[in-house]
Amino acid sequence: MFYLQLSEEAVADYEEAVAWYEAQKPGLGAEFSAHLNAIFEQIEAEPTSQRFLYENRRYANLKRFPYKVFFLVDESAGDIIVFAVLHEKRHPDIWKNR
């Protein structure tokens, strides 16, 4: 069993995206949040089935929204650390530097 945690940067990414979607249309931020929580549950249930980046880093795509969740898996400790929740168009150096 794995335990999923969000870094401070990932929490900030999450909150920024929810606020942006909510400003576009009331209720859309809540819908984004629900999709994000669903992907967190999938990652927590089967972290190694997600797309591989390198070493112990992986990512998962949200289905309805153009966002990716970047995370690392520490199998020995049973931890999953989400270190970025970013729009697909953002420069990859953002998550690489975290």
PDB file of N, CA and C in Angstrom:
ATOM      1  N   MET A   1       0.852  -1.186   0.000  1.00  0.00           N
ATOM      2  CA  MET A   1       0.000   0.000   0.000  1.00  0.00           C
ATOM      3  C   MET A   1       0.890   1.240   0.000  1.00  0.00           C
ATOM      4  N   PHE A   2       0.556   2.166  -0.852  1.00  0.00           N
ATOM      5  CA  PHE A   2       1.312   3.402  -0.971  1.00  0.00           C
ATOM      6  C   PHE A   2       0.552   4.553  -0.324  1.00  0.00           C
ATOM      7  N   TYR A   3       1.296   5.542   0.132  1.00  0.00           N
ATOM      8  CA  TYR A   3       0.736   6.733   0.748  1.00  0.00           C
ATOM      9  C   TYR A   3       1.124   7.937  -0.102  1.00  0.00           C
ATOM     10  N   LEU A   4       0.136   8.658  -0.640  1.00  0.00           N
ATOM     11  CA  LEU A   4       0.373   9.788  -1.530  1.00  0.00           C
ATOM     12  C   LEU A   4       0.432  11.091  -0.735  1.00  0.00           C
ATOM     13  N   GLN A   5       1.453  11.896  -1.035  1.00  0.00           N
ATOM     14  CA  GLN A   5       1.632  13.205  -0.416  1.00  0.00           C
ATOM     15  C   GLN A   5       1.879  14.236  -1.512  1.00  0.00           C
ATOM     16  N   LEU A   6       1.469  15.468  -1.261  1.00  0.00           N
ATOM     17  CA  LEU A   6       1.728  16.560  -2.206  1.00  0.00           C
ATOM     18  C   LEU A   6       2.784  17.491  -1.623  1.00  0.00           C
ATOM     19  N   SER A   7       3.747  17.875  -2.454  1.00  0.00           N
ATOM     20  CA  SER A   7       4.734  18.860  -2.041  1.00  0.00           C
ATOM     21  C   SER A   7       4.056  20.227  -1.959  1.00  0.00           C
ATOM     22  N   GLU A   8       4.727  21.183  -1.334  1.00  0.00           N
ATOM     23  CA  GLU A   8       4.176  22.538  -1.250  1.00  0.00           C
ATOM     24  C   GLU A   8       3.962  23.121  -2.642  1.00  0.00           C
ATOM     25  N   GLU A   9       4.907  22.852  -3.563  1.00  0.00           N
ATOM     26  CA  GLU A   9       4.771  23.365  -4.925  1.00  0.00           C
ATOM     27  C   GLU A   9       3.562  22.768  -5.621  1.00  0.00           C
ATOM     28  N   ALA A  10       3.328  21.463  -5.411  1.00  0.00           N
ATOM     29  CA  ALA A  10       2.179  20.795  -6.034  1.00  0.00           C
ATOM     30  C   ALA A  10       0.870  21.343  -5.487  1.00  0.00           C
ATOM     31  N   VAL A  11       0.829  21.622  -4.184  1.00  0.00           N
ATOM     32  CA  VAL A  11      -0.377  22.213  -3.589  1.00  0.00           C
ATOM     33  C   VAL A  11      -0.638  23.586  -4.207  1.00  0.00           C
ATOM     34  N   ALA A  12       0.421  24.375  -4.372  1.00  0.00           N
ATOM     35  CA  ALA A  12       0.277  25.695  -4.997  1.00  0.00           C
ATOM     36  C   ALA A  12      -0.207  25.568  -6.443  1.00  0.00           C
ATOM     37  N   ASP A  13       0.354  24.606  -7.194  1.00  0.00           N
ATOM     38  CA  ASP A  13      -0.097  24.353  -8.573  1.00  0.00           C
ATOM     39  C   ASP A  13      -1.582  24.016  -8.593  1.00  0.00           C
ATOM     40  N   TYR A  14      -1.981  23.111  -7.702  1.00  0.00           N
ATOM     41  CA  TYR A  14      -3.365  22.644  -7.591  1.00  0.00           C
ATOM     42  C   TYR A  14      -4.291  23.828  -7.319  1.00  0.00           C
ATOM     43  N   GLU A  15      -3.974  24.620  -6.303  1.00  0.00           N
ATOM     44  CA  GLU A  15      -4.832  25.742  -5.919  1.00  0.00           C
ATOM     45  C   GLU A  15      -4.920  26.786  -7.024  1.00  0.00           C
ATOM     46  N   GLU A  16      -3.810  27.048  -7.698  1.00  0.00           N
ATOM     47  CA  GLU A  16      -3.795  28.017  -8.794  1.00  0.00           C
ATOM     48  C   GLU A  16      -4.687  27.553  -9.944  1.00  0.00           C
ATOM     49  N   ALA A  17      -4.609  26.288 -10.291  1.00  0.00           N
ATOM     50  CA  ALA A  17      -5.420  25.756 -11.391  1.00  0.00           C
ATOM     51  C   ALA A  17      -6.905  25.771 -11.040  1.00  0.00           C
ATOM     52  N   VAL A  18      -7.248  25.368  -9.819  1.00  0.00           N
ATOM     53  CA  VAL A  18      -8.650  25.380  -9.403  1.00  0.00           C
ATOM     54  C   VAL A  18      -9.201  26.804  -9.468  1.00  0.00           C
ATOM     55  N   ALA A  19      -8.434  27.765  -8.958  1.00  0.00           N
ATOM     56  CA  ALA A  19      -8.882  29.164  -8.976  1.00  0.00           C
ATOM     57  C   ALA A  19      -9.065  29.667 -10.405  1.00  0.00           C
ATOM     58  N   TRP A  20      -8.142  29.308 -11.292  1.00  0.00           N
ATOM     59  CA  TRP A  20      -8.239  29.759 -12.679  1.00  0.00           C
ATOM     60  C   TRP A  20      -9.489  29.186 -13.346  1.00  0.00           C
ATOM     61  N   TYR A  21      -9.718  27.879 -13.190  1.00  0.00           N
ATOM     62  CA  TYR A  21     -10.901  27.267 -13.806  1.00  0.00           C
ATOM     63  C   TYR A  21     -12.185  27.813 -13.209  1.00  0.00           C
ATOM     64  N   GLU A  22     -12.197  28.065 -11.914  1.00  0.00           N
ATOM     65  CA  GLU A  22     -13.393  28.601 -11.266  1.00  0.00           C
ATOM     66  C   GLU A  22     -13.684  30.004 -11.777  1.00  0.00           C
ATOM     67  N   ALA A  23     -12.634  30.779 -12.070  1.00  0.00           N
ATOM     68  CA  ALA A  23     -12.826  32.125 -12.612  1.00  0.00           C
ATOM     69  C   ALA A  23     -13.371  32.084 -14.035  1.00  0.00           C
ATOM     70  N   GLN A  24     -13.061  31.019 -14.771  1.00  0.00           N
ATOM     71  CA  GLN A  24     -13.555  30.892 -16.137  1.00  0.00           C
ATOM     72  C   GLN A  24     -15.043  30.577 -16.168  1.00  0.00           C
ATOM     73  N   LYS A  25     -15.466  29.693 -15.234  1.00  0.00           N
ATOM     74  CA  LYS A  25     -16.864  29.288 -15.178  1.00  0.00           C
ATOM     75  C   LYS A  25     -17.139  28.706 -13.790  1.00  0.00           C
ATOM     76  N   PRO A  26     -18.125  29.243 -13.080  1.00  0.00           N
ATOM     77  CA  PRO A  26     -18.438  28.712 -11.751  1.00  0.00           C
ATOM     78  C   PRO A  26     -18.730  27.204 -11.810  1.00  0.00           C
ATOM     79  N   GLY A  27     -18.080  26.483 -10.921  1.00  0.00           N
ATOM     80  CA  GLY A  27     -18.251  25.031 -10.866  1.00  0.00           C
ATOM     81  C   GLY A  27     -17.165  24.275 -11.601  1.00  0.00           C
ATOM     82  N   LEU A  28     -16.477  24.940 -12.531  1.00  0.00           N
ATOM     83  CA  LEU A  28     -15.437  24.259 -13.309  1.00  0.00           C
ATOM     84  C   LEU A  28     -14.214  23.949 -12.442  1.00  0.00           C
ATOM     85  N   GLY A  29     -13.929  24.812 -11.482  1.00  0.00           N
ATOM     86  CA  GLY A  29     -12.829  24.550 -10.565  1.00  0.00           C
ATOM     87  C   GLY A  29     -13.090  23.297  -9.740  1.00  0.00           C
ATOM     88  N   ALA A  30     -14.323  23.118  -9.293  1.00  0.00           N
ATOM     89  CA  ALA A  30     -14.697  21.924  -8.528  1.00  0.00           C
ATOM     90  C   ALA A  30     -14.609  20.679  -9.406  1.00  0.00           C
ATOM     91  N   GLU A  31     -14.989  20.812 -10.670  1.00  0.00           N
ATOM     92  CA  GLU A  31     -14.887  19.675 -11.590  1.00  0.00           C
ATOM     93  C   GLU A  31     -13.418  19.287 -11.818  1.00  0.00           C
ATOM     94  N   PHE A  32     -12.565  20.289 -12.007  1.00  0.00           N
ATOM     95  CA  PHE A  32     -11.133  20.029 -12.153  1.00  0.00           C
ATOM     96  C   PHE A  32     -10.599  19.322 -10.908  1.00  0.00           C
ATOM     97  N   SER A  33     -10.975  19.819  -9.747  1.00  0.00           N
ATOM     98  CA  SER A  33     -10.532  19.227  -8.488  1.00  0.00           C
ATOM     99  C   SER A  33     -10.978  17.770  -8.369  1.00  0.00           C
ATOM    100  N   ALA A  34     -12.190  17.481  -8.775  1.00  0.00           N
ATOM    101  CA  ALA A  34     -12.685  16.096  -8.726  1.00  0.00           C
ATOM    102  C   ALA A  34     -11.882  15.188  -9.646  1.00  0.00           C
ATOM    103  N   HIS A  35     -11.556  15.665 -10.857  1.00  0.00           N
ATOM    104  CA  HIS A  35     -10.739  14.879 -11.783  1.00  0.00           C
ATOM    105  C   HIS A  35      -9.336  14.662 -11.224  1.00  0.00           C
ATOM    106  N   LEU A  36      -8.809  15.692 -10.593  1.00  0.00           N
ATOM    107  CA  LEU A  36      -7.480  15.587 -10.016  1.00  0.00           C
ATOM    108  C   LEU A  36      -7.468  14.589  -8.854  1.00  0.00           C
ATOM    109  N   ASN A  37      -8.475  14.645  -8.006  1.00  0.00           N
ATOM    110  CA  ASN A  37      -8.555  13.691  -6.903  1.00  0.00           C
ATOM    111  C   ASN A  37      -8.709  12.259  -7.411  1.00  0.00           C
ATOM    112  N   ALA A  38      -9.430  12.083  -8.503  1.00  0.00           N
ATOM    113  CA  ALA A  38      -9.578  10.743  -9.089  1.00  0.00           C
ATOM    114  C   ALA A  38      -8.233  10.223  -9.585  1.00  0.00           C
ATOM    115  N   ILE A  39      -7.431  11.089 -10.209  1.00  0.00           N
ATOM    116  CA  ILE A  39      -6.126  10.633 -10.692  1.00  0.00           C
ATOM    117  C   ILE A  39      -5.202  10.365  -9.517  1.00  0.00           C
ATOM    118  N   PHE A  40      -5.327  11.137  -8.430  1.00  0.00           N
ATOM    119  CA  PHE A  40      -4.535  10.851  -7.229  1.00  0.00           C
ATOM    120  C   PHE A  40      -4.863   9.453  -6.695  1.00  0.00           C
ATOM    121  N   GLU A  41      -6.132   9.091  -6.693  1.00  0.00           N
ATOM    122  CA  GLU A  41      -6.542   7.755  -6.234  1.00  0.00           C
ATOM    123  C   GLU A  41      -5.963   6.665  -7.130  1.00  0.00           C
ATOM    124  N   GLN A  42      -5.972   6.892  -8.453  1.00  0.00           N
ATOM    125  CA  GLN A  42      -5.384   5.918  -9.385  1.00  0.00           C
ATOM    126  C   GLN A  42      -3.888   5.775  -9.146  1.00  0.00           C
ATOM    127  N   ILE A  43      -3.212   6.899  -8.958  1.00  0.00           N
ATOM    128  CA  ILE A  43      -1.767   6.869  -8.717  1.00  0.00           C
ATOM    129  C   ILE A  43      -1.478   6.118  -7.425  1.00  0.00           C
ATOM    130  N   GLU A  44      -2.242   6.406  -6.384  1.00  0.00           N
ATOM    131  CA  GLU A  44      -2.019   5.759  -5.088  1.00  0.00           C
ATOM    132  C   GLU A  44      -2.266   4.252  -5.173  1.00  0.00           C
ATOM    133  N   ALA A  45      -3.266   3.847  -5.944  1.00  0.00           N
ATOM    134  CA  ALA A  45      -3.594   2.427  -6.078  1.00  0.00           C
ATOM    135  C   ALA A  45      -2.552   1.664  -6.893  1.00  0.00           C
ATOM    136  N   GLU A  46      -2.068   2.270  -7.976  1.00  0.00           N
ATOM    137  CA  GLU A  46      -1.122   1.595  -8.866  1.00  0.00           C
ATOM    138  C   GLU A  46      -0.091   2.590  -9.413  1.00  0.00           C
ATOM    139  N   PRO A  47       0.818   3.043  -8.585  1.00  0.00           N
ATOM    140  CA  PRO A  47       1.753   4.075  -9.036  1.00  0.00           C
ATOM    141  C   PRO A  47       2.680   3.631 -10.160  1.00  0.00           C
ATOM    142  N   THR A  48       3.081   2.385 -10.178  1.00  0.00           N
ATOM    143  CA  THR A  48       4.027   1.933 -11.198  1.00  0.00           C
ATOM    144  C   THR A  48       3.364   1.639 -12.536  1.00  0.00           C
ATOM    145  N   SER A  49       2.049   1.750 -12.599  1.00  0.00           N
ATOM    146  CA  SER A  49       1.371   1.548 -13.886  1.00  0.00           C
ATOM    147  C   SER A  49       1.268   2.858 -14.671  1.00  0.00           C
ATOM    148  N   GLN A  50       1.674   3.959 -14.057  1.00  0.00           N
ATOM    149  CA  GLN A  50       1.621   5.257 -14.731  1.00  0.00           C
ATOM    150  C   GLN A  50       2.836   5.429 -15.639  1.00  0.00           C
ATOM    151  N   ARG A  51       2.780   6.435 -16.486  1.00  0.00           N
ATOM    152  CA  ARG A  51       3.847   6.666 -17.469  1.00  0.00           C
ATOM    153  C   ARG A  51       5.182   6.962 -16.791  1.00  0.00           C
ATOM    154  N   PHE A  52       6.226   6.373 -17.351  1.00  0.00           N
ATOM    155  CA  PHE A  52       7.576   6.476 -16.801  1.00  0.00           C
ATOM    156  C   PHE A  52       8.310   7.671 -17.395  1.00  0.00           C
ATOM    157  N   LEU A  53       8.999   8.444 -16.543  1.00  0.00           N
ATOM    158  CA  LEU A  53       9.868   9.526 -17.005  1.00  0.00           C
ATOM    159  C   LEU A  53      11.315   9.053 -16.951  1.00  0.00           C
ATOM    160  N   TYR A  54      11.837   8.893 -15.745  1.00  0.00           N
ATOM    161  CA  TYR A  54      13.180   8.355 -15.528  1.00  0.00           C
ATOM    162  C   TYR A  54      13.319   8.040 -14.047  1.00  0.00           C
ATOM    163  N   GLU A  55      14.263   7.142 -13.740  1.00  0.00           N
ATOM    164  CA  GLU A  55      14.504   6.677 -12.376  1.00  0.00           C
ATOM    165  C   GLU A  55      13.177   6.327 -11.714  1.00  0.00           C
ATOM    166  N   ASN A  56      12.834   7.017 -10.628  1.00  0.00           N
ATOM    167  CA  ASN A  56      11.583   6.708  -9.927  1.00  0.00           C
ATOM    168  C   ASN A  56      10.506   7.776 -10.168  1.00  0.00           C
ATOM    169  N   ARG A  57      10.666   8.543 -11.231  1.00  0.00           N
ATOM    170  CA  ARG A  57       9.712   9.613 -11.540  1.00  0.00           C
ATOM    171  C   ARG A  57       8.754   9.184 -12.652  1.00  0.00           C
ATOM    172  N   ARG A  58       7.497   9.548 -12.447  1.00  0.00           N
ATOM    173  CA  ARG A  58       6.445   9.173 -13.390  1.00  0.00           C
ATOM    174  C   ARG A  58       5.475  10.343 -13.544  1.00  0.00           C
ATOM    175  N   TYR A  59       4.527  10.180 -14.456  1.00  0.00           N
ATOM    176  CA  TYR A  59       3.477  11.190 -14.596  1.00  0.00           C
ATOM    177  C   TYR A  59       2.184  10.527 -15.029  1.00  0.00           C
ATOM    178  N   ALA A  60       1.098  11.252 -14.801  1.00  0.00           N
ATOM    179  CA  ALA A  60      -0.229  10.793 -15.214  1.00  0.00           C
ATOM    180  C   ALA A  60      -0.963  11.986 -15.822  1.00  0.00           C
ATOM    181  N   ASN A  61      -1.746  11.709 -16.842  1.00  0.00           N
ATOM    182  CA  ASN A  61      -2.539  12.746 -17.511  1.00  0.00           C
ATOM    183  C   ASN A  61      -3.953  12.782 -16.955  1.00  0.00           C
ATOM    184  N   LEU A  62      -4.481  13.988 -16.815  1.00  0.00           N
ATOM    185  CA  LEU A  62      -5.901  14.114 -16.520  1.00  0.00           C
ATOM    186  C   LEU A  62      -6.649  13.908 -17.827  1.00  0.00           C
ATOM    187  N   LYS A  63      -7.821  13.325 -17.762  1.00  0.00           N
ATOM    188  CA  LYS A  63      -8.552  12.996 -18.985  1.00  0.00           C
ATOM    189  C   LYS A  63      -9.244  14.213 -19.613  1.00  0.00           C
ATOM    190  N   ARG A  64      -9.938  15.000 -18.843  1.00  0.00           N
ATOM    191  CA  ARG A  64     -10.733  16.085 -19.417  1.00  0.00           C
ATOM    192  C   ARG A  64      -9.975  17.416 -19.477  1.00  0.00           C
ATOM    193  N   PHE A  65      -8.942  17.529 -18.678  1.00  0.00           N
ATOM    194  CA  PHE A  65      -8.203  18.782 -18.581  1.00  0.00           C
ATOM    195  C   PHE A  65      -6.766  18.573 -19.049  1.00  0.00           C
ATOM    196  N   PRO A  66      -6.154  19.604 -19.664  1.00  0.00           N
ATOM    197  CA  PRO A  66      -4.799  19.445 -20.206  1.00  0.00           C
ATOM    198  C   PRO A  66      -3.713  19.611 -19.134  1.00  0.00           C
ATOM    199  N   TYR A  67      -3.760  18.767 -18.140  1.00  0.00           N
ATOM    200  CA  TYR A  67      -2.808  18.817 -17.031  1.00  0.00           C
ATOM    201  C   TYR A  67      -2.137  17.470 -16.838  1.00  0.00           C
ATOM    202  N   LYS A  68      -0.925  17.533 -16.291  1.00  0.00           N
ATOM    203  CA  LYS A  68      -0.178  16.330 -15.932  1.00  0.00           C
ATOM    204  C   LYS A  68       0.195  16.409 -14.461  1.00  0.00           C
ATOM    205  N   VAL A  69       0.175  15.256 -13.821  1.00  0.00           N
ATOM    206  CA  VAL A  69       0.592  15.128 -12.435  1.00  0.00           C
ATOM    207  C   VAL A  69       1.935  14.415 -12.441  1.00  0.00           C
ATOM    208  N   PHE A  70       2.972  15.070 -11.922  1.00  0.00           N
ATOM    209  CA  PHE A  70       4.312  14.507 -11.869  1.00  0.00           C
ATOM    210  C   PHE A  70       4.585  14.040 -10.447  1.00  0.00           C
ATOM    211  N   PHE A  71       5.125  12.843 -10.325  1.00  0.00           N
ATOM    212  CA  PHE A  71       5.349  12.292  -8.992  1.00  0.00           C
ATOM    213  C   PHE A  71       6.532  11.346  -8.989  1.00  0.00           C
ATOM    214  N   LEU A  72       7.031  11.077  -7.785  1.00  0.00           N
ATOM    215  CA  LEU A  72       8.076  10.066  -7.640  1.00  0.00           C
ATOM    216  C   LEU A  72       7.573   9.000  -6.686  1.00  0.00           C
ATOM    217  N   VAL A  73       8.088   7.797  -6.882  1.00  0.00           N
ATOM    218  CA  VAL A  73       7.662   6.645  -6.098  1.00  0.00           C
ATOM    219  C   VAL A  73       8.855   6.119  -5.315  1.00  0.00           C
ATOM    220  N   ASP A  74       8.703   6.046  -4.002  1.00  0.00           N
ATOM    221  CA  ASP A  74       9.699   5.428  -3.138  1.00  0.00           C
ATOM    222  C   ASP A  74       9.103   4.098  -2.682  1.00  0.00           C
ATOM    223  N   GLU A  75       9.386   3.054  -3.452  1.00  0.00           N
ATOM    224  CA  GLU A  75       8.777   1.754  -3.177  1.00  0.00           C
ATOM    225  C   GLU A  75       9.181   1.187  -1.828  1.00  0.00           C
ATOM    226  N   SER A  76      10.409   1.419  -1.405  1.00  0.00           N
ATOM    227  CA  SER A  76      10.866   0.857  -0.136  1.00  0.00           C
ATOM    228  C   SER A  76      10.118   1.476   1.047  1.00  0.00           C
ATOM    229  N   ALA A  77       9.789   2.768   0.960  1.00  0.00           N
ATOM    230  CA  ALA A  77       9.067   3.441   2.040  1.00  0.00           C
ATOM    231  C   ALA A  77       7.553   3.409   1.834  1.00  0.00           C
ATOM    232  N   GLY A  78       7.118   3.064   0.618  1.00  0.00           N
ATOM    233  CA  GLY A  78       5.688   3.065   0.305  1.00  0.00           C
ATOM    234  C   GLY A  78       5.121   4.456   0.121  1.00  0.00           C
ATOM    235  N   ASP A  79       5.985   5.398  -0.271  1.00  0.00           N
ATOM    236  CA  ASP A  79       5.555   6.786  -0.435  1.00  0.00           C
ATOM    237  C   ASP A  79       5.478   7.185  -1.902  1.00  0.00           C
ATOM    238  N   ILE A  80       4.528   8.054  -2.183  1.00  0.00           N
ATOM    239  CA  ILE A  80       4.397   8.703  -3.482  1.00  0.00           C
ATOM    240  C   ILE A  80       4.400  10.200  -3.195  1.00  0.00           C
ATOM    241  N   ILE A  81       5.313  10.914  -3.817  1.00  0.00           N
ATOM    242  CA  ILE A  81       5.386  12.355  -3.630  1.00  0.00           C
ATOM    243  C   ILE A  81       5.002  13.030  -4.939  1.00  0.00           C
ATOM    244  N   VAL A  82       3.881  13.728  -4.932  1.00  0.00           N
ATOM    245  CA  VAL A  82       3.477  14.531  -6.091  1.00  0.00           C
ATOM    246  C   VAL A  82       4.253  15.840  -5.982  1.00  0.00           C
ATOM    247  N   PHE A  83       5.072  16.122  -6.999  1.00  0.00           N
ATOM    248  CA  PHE A  83       5.887  17.328  -6.930  1.00  0.00           C
ATOM    249  C   PHE A  83       5.463  18.401  -7.923  1.00  0.00           C
ATOM    250  N   ALA A  84       4.514  18.109  -8.796  1.00  0.00           N
ATOM    251  CA  ALA A  84       4.022  19.125  -9.726  1.00  0.00           C
ATOM    252  C   ALA A  84       2.674  18.715 -10.311  1.00  0.00           C
ATOM    253  N   VAL A  85       1.814  19.706 -10.497  1.00  0.00           N
ATOM    254  CA  VAL A  85       0.537  19.558 -11.195  1.00  0.00           C
ATOM    255  C   VAL A  85       0.538  20.695 -12.208  1.00  0.00           C
ATOM    256  N   LEU A  86       0.889  20.373 -13.455  1.00  0.00           N
ATOM    257  CA  LEU A  86       1.150  21.416 -14.435  1.00  0.00           C
ATOM    258  C   LEU A  86       0.353  21.253 -15.724  1.00  0.00           C
ATOM    259  N   HIS A  87       0.030  22.386 -16.319  1.00  0.00           N
ATOM    260  CA  HIS A  87      -0.598  22.407 -17.632  1.00  0.00           C
ATOM    261  C   HIS A  87       0.377  21.794 -18.639  1.00  0.00           C
ATOM    262  N   GLU A  88      -0.145  21.080 -19.607  1.00  0.00           N
ATOM    263  CA  GLU A  88       0.699  20.403 -20.599  1.00  0.00           C
ATOM    264  C   GLU A  88       1.581  21.362 -21.389  1.00  0.00           C
ATOM    265  N   LYS A  89       1.180  22.613 -21.530  1.00  0.00           N
ATOM    266  CA  LYS A  89       1.946  23.583 -22.316  1.00  0.00           C
ATOM    267  C   LYS A  89       3.087  24.236 -21.528  1.00  0.00           C
ATOM    268  N   ARG A  90       3.149  23.982 -20.208  1.00  0.00           N
ATOM    269  CA  ARG A  90       4.218  24.579 -19.396  1.00  0.00           C
ATOM    270  C   ARG A  90       5.552  23.946 -19.771  1.00  0.00           C
ATOM    271  N   HIS A  91       6.600  24.705 -19.645  1.00  0.00           N
ATOM    272  CA  HIS A  91       7.945  24.242 -19.986  1.00  0.00           C
ATOM    273  C   HIS A  91       8.361  23.107 -19.052  1.00  0.00           C
ATOM    274  N   PRO A  92       8.949  22.024 -19.591  1.00  0.00           N
ATOM    275  CA  PRO A  92       9.323  20.878 -18.757  1.00  0.00           C
ATOM    276  C   PRO A  92      10.378  21.189 -17.698  1.00  0.00           C
ATOM    277  N   ASP A  93      11.133  22.263 -17.870  1.00  0.00           N
ATOM    278  CA  ASP A  93      12.131  22.594 -16.851  1.00  0.00           C
ATOM    279  C   ASP A  93      11.491  22.909 -15.503  1.00  0.00           C
ATOM    280  N   ILE A  94      10.225  23.283 -15.506  1.00  0.00           N
ATOM    281  CA  ILE A  94       9.544  23.585 -14.246  1.00  0.00           C
ATOM    282  C   ILE A  94       9.539  22.349 -13.361  1.00  0.00           C
ATOM    283  N   TRP A  95       9.075  21.214 -13.881  1.00  0.00           N
ATOM    284  CA  TRP A  95       9.039  20.031 -13.027  1.00  0.00           C
ATOM    285  C   TRP A  95      10.428  19.424 -12.839  1.00  0.00           C
ATOM    286  N   LYS A  96      11.298  19.596 -13.802  1.00  0.00           N
ATOM    287  CA  LYS A  96      12.654  19.042 -13.673  1.00  0.00           C
ATOM    288  C   LYS A  96      13.438  19.709 -12.549  1.00  0.00           C
ATOM    289  N   ASN A  97      13.133  20.968 -12.278  1.00  0.00           N
ATOM    290  CA  ASN A  97      13.852  21.704 -11.247  1.00  0.00           C
ATOM    291  C   ASN A  97      13.263  21.498  -9.844  1.00  0.00           C
ATOM    292  N   ARG A  98      12.242  20.703  -9.732  1.00  0.00           N
ATOM    293  CA  ARG A  98      11.639  20.481  -8.412  1.00  0.00           C
ATOM    294  C   ARG A  98      12.191  19.231  -7.769  1.00  0.00           C
TER     295      ARG A  98
END
